[in-house]
Amino acid sequence: MKRVYICAPLSDNPNQDVIEAVRFGEYAMKECCAAPVVPHFHILMVNPKNDKETEQRKLANFSFLWMVDELWVFGDSWTDEMMEEISRAEMLKIPIKYHSDNKVKSILKKYGGILNEQCYK
């Protein structure tokens, strides 16, 4: 199974960003038979107002790049952190797959929540 790094925005609304990243991971797993690596979970473990913890989170995220087969970029607008992830993936010669805003909207519409009811049937 291909391991894919989910590269998506992290904004001032980290709870929503985590939910969307989970949806992207669900798409990767269910429709593409890929094992998603979702670095957004790290935001839940640190204080985003603490520079040292933010730097530790970024380093933890970047460390995942060494173990993935591809980087999947979601959306047409990229944050500085996303651009750094893309740059590091390029340096490591990791293939990059881009998902446009239209694809993102389609994924978010299809996978409407973290807890997919199919998992519990």
Protein backbone atom coordinates (compact mmCIF):
# COMPACT_ATOMS: atom_id res chain seq x y z
CA MET A 1 0.00 0.00 0.00
CA LYS A 2 1.33 3.40 -1.01
CA ARG A 3 2.02 5.81 1.89
CA VAL A 4 0.87 9.36 1.13
CA TYR A 5 1.58 12.53 3.09
CA ILE A 6 -1.46 14.79 3.32
CA CYS A 7 -0.29 18.34 2.61
CA ALA A 8 -3.16 20.73 3.35
CA PRO A 9 -3.55 24.16 4.93
CA LEU A 10 -3.22 24.77 8.62
CA SER A 11 -4.89 28.07 9.47
CA ASP A 12 -6.22 29.98 12.45
CA ASN A 13 -8.97 27.37 12.69
CA PRO A 14 -6.99 24.18 13.43
CA ASN A 15 -10.05 22.17 14.45
CA GLN A 16 -11.61 22.64 11.01
CA ASP A 17 -8.23 21.99 9.35
CA VAL A 18 -7.86 18.69 11.19
CA ILE A 19 -11.38 17.64 10.17
CA GLU A 20 -10.62 18.43 6.53
CA ALA A 21 -7.27 16.61 6.70
CA VAL A 22 -9.07 13.56 8.07
CA ARG A 23 -11.47 13.73 5.12
CA PHE A 24 -8.53 13.88 2.72
CA GLY A 25 -7.04 10.86 4.48
CA GLU A 26 -10.34 9.03 4.21
CA TYR A 27 -10.38 9.76 0.48
CA ALA A 28 -6.81 8.47 0.13
CA MET A 29 -7.60 5.27 1.99
CA LYS A 30 -11.02 4.44 0.58
CA GLU A 31 -10.74 5.58 -3.03
CA CYS A 32 -7.03 5.27 -3.73
CA CYS A 33 -6.08 2.32 -1.50
CA ALA A 34 -3.33 4.45 0.06
CA ALA A 35 -2.16 4.72 3.67
CA PRO A 36 -2.51 8.40 4.60
CA VAL A 37 0.01 10.16 6.83
CA VAL A 38 -1.91 13.07 8.38
CA PRO A 39 0.51 15.47 10.10
CA HIS A 40 -2.34 17.79 11.11
CA PHE A 41 -2.88 15.71 14.25
CA HIS A 42 0.25 17.26 15.74
CA ILE A 43 -1.51 20.62 16.09
CA LEU A 44 -3.70 19.00 18.73
CA MET A 45 -0.62 18.26 20.86
CA VAL A 46 0.96 21.71 21.02
CA ASN A 47 0.16 25.28 21.93
CA PRO A 48 0.19 27.14 18.59
CA LYS A 49 1.06 30.38 20.41
CA ASN A 50 4.27 28.84 21.75
CA ASP A 51 7.02 29.28 19.15
CA LYS A 52 9.13 26.42 20.50
CA GLU A 53 6.21 23.98 20.39
CA THR A 54 5.24 25.19 16.91
CA GLU A 55 8.78 24.53 15.69
CA GLN A 56 8.73 21.06 17.28
CA ARG A 57 5.41 20.34 15.52
CA LYS A 58 6.83 21.39 12.16
CA LEU A 59 9.92 19.23 12.65
CA ALA A 60 7.74 16.28 13.61
CA ASN A 61 5.66 16.83 10.46
CA PHE A 62 8.72 17.07 8.24
CA SER A 63 10.15 13.88 9.72
CA PHE A 64 7.25 11.97 8.15
CA LEU A 65 8.43 12.92 4.67
CA TRP A 66 11.25 10.38 4.92
CA MET A 67 8.79 7.51 5.15
CA VAL A 68 6.20 8.32 2.47
CA ASP A 69 5.94 7.34 -1.18
CA GLU A 70 4.13 10.49 -2.32
CA LEU A 71 3.12 13.95 -1.14
CA TRP A 72 -0.48 14.91 -1.93
CA VAL A 73 -1.18 18.65 -2.00
CA PHE A 74 -4.78 19.69 -1.44
CA GLY A 75 -6.03 23.04 -2.77
CA ASP A 76 -4.77 25.77 -5.07
CA SER A 77 -3.67 28.18 -2.31
CA TRP A 78 -0.70 27.08 -0.26
CA THR A 79 0.50 28.26 3.12
CA ASP A 80 4.19 28.89 3.80
CA GLU A 81 4.34 25.59 5.67
CA MET A 82 2.81 23.73 2.72
CA MET A 83 5.36 25.31 0.39
CA GLU A 84 8.13 24.13 2.70
CA GLU A 85 6.69 20.59 2.69
CA ILE A 86 6.54 20.68 -1.13
CA SER A 87 10.12 21.97 -1.31
CA ARG A 88 11.39 19.25 1.03
CA ALA A 89 9.54 16.58 -0.95
CA GLU A 90 11.16 17.87 -4.15
CA MET A 91 14.61 17.74 -2.52
CA LEU A 92 13.92 14.16 -1.44
CA LYS A 93 12.67 13.31 -4.96
CA ILE A 94 9.26 12.31 -3.57
CA PRO A 95 6.55 12.38 -6.25
CA ILE A 96 3.92 15.08 -5.70
CA LYS A 97 0.26 14.83 -6.67
CA TYR A 98 -1.78 18.04 -6.77
CA HIS A 99 -5.52 18.16 -5.99
CA SER A 100 -7.25 21.33 -7.21
CA ASP A 101 -9.82 23.32 -5.26
CA ASN A 102 -12.55 21.60 -7.31
CA LYS A 103 -11.26 18.18 -6.26
CA VAL A 104 -11.02 19.36 -2.64
CA LYS A 105 -14.66 20.53 -2.71
CA SER A 106 -15.71 17.18 -4.16
CA ILE A 107 -13.84 15.24 -1.46
CA LEU A 108 -15.20 17.40 1.37
CA LYS A 109 -18.73 17.03 0.02
CA LYS A 110 -18.45 13.25 -0.25
CA TYR A 111 -16.75 12.67 3.11
CA GLY A 112 -18.94 14.88 5.30
CA GLY A 113 -17.55 13.98 8.69
CA ILE A 114 -14.79 12.37 10.68
CA LEU A 115 -16.89 9.41 11.79
CA ASN A 116 -18.10 7.69 8.67
CA GLU A 117 -21.17 5.61 9.48
CA GLN A 118 -19.91 2.74 7.31
CA CYS A 119 -17.20 2.09 9.87
CA TYR A 120 -19.78 1.18 12.47
CA LYS A 121 -22.12 -1.11 10.50
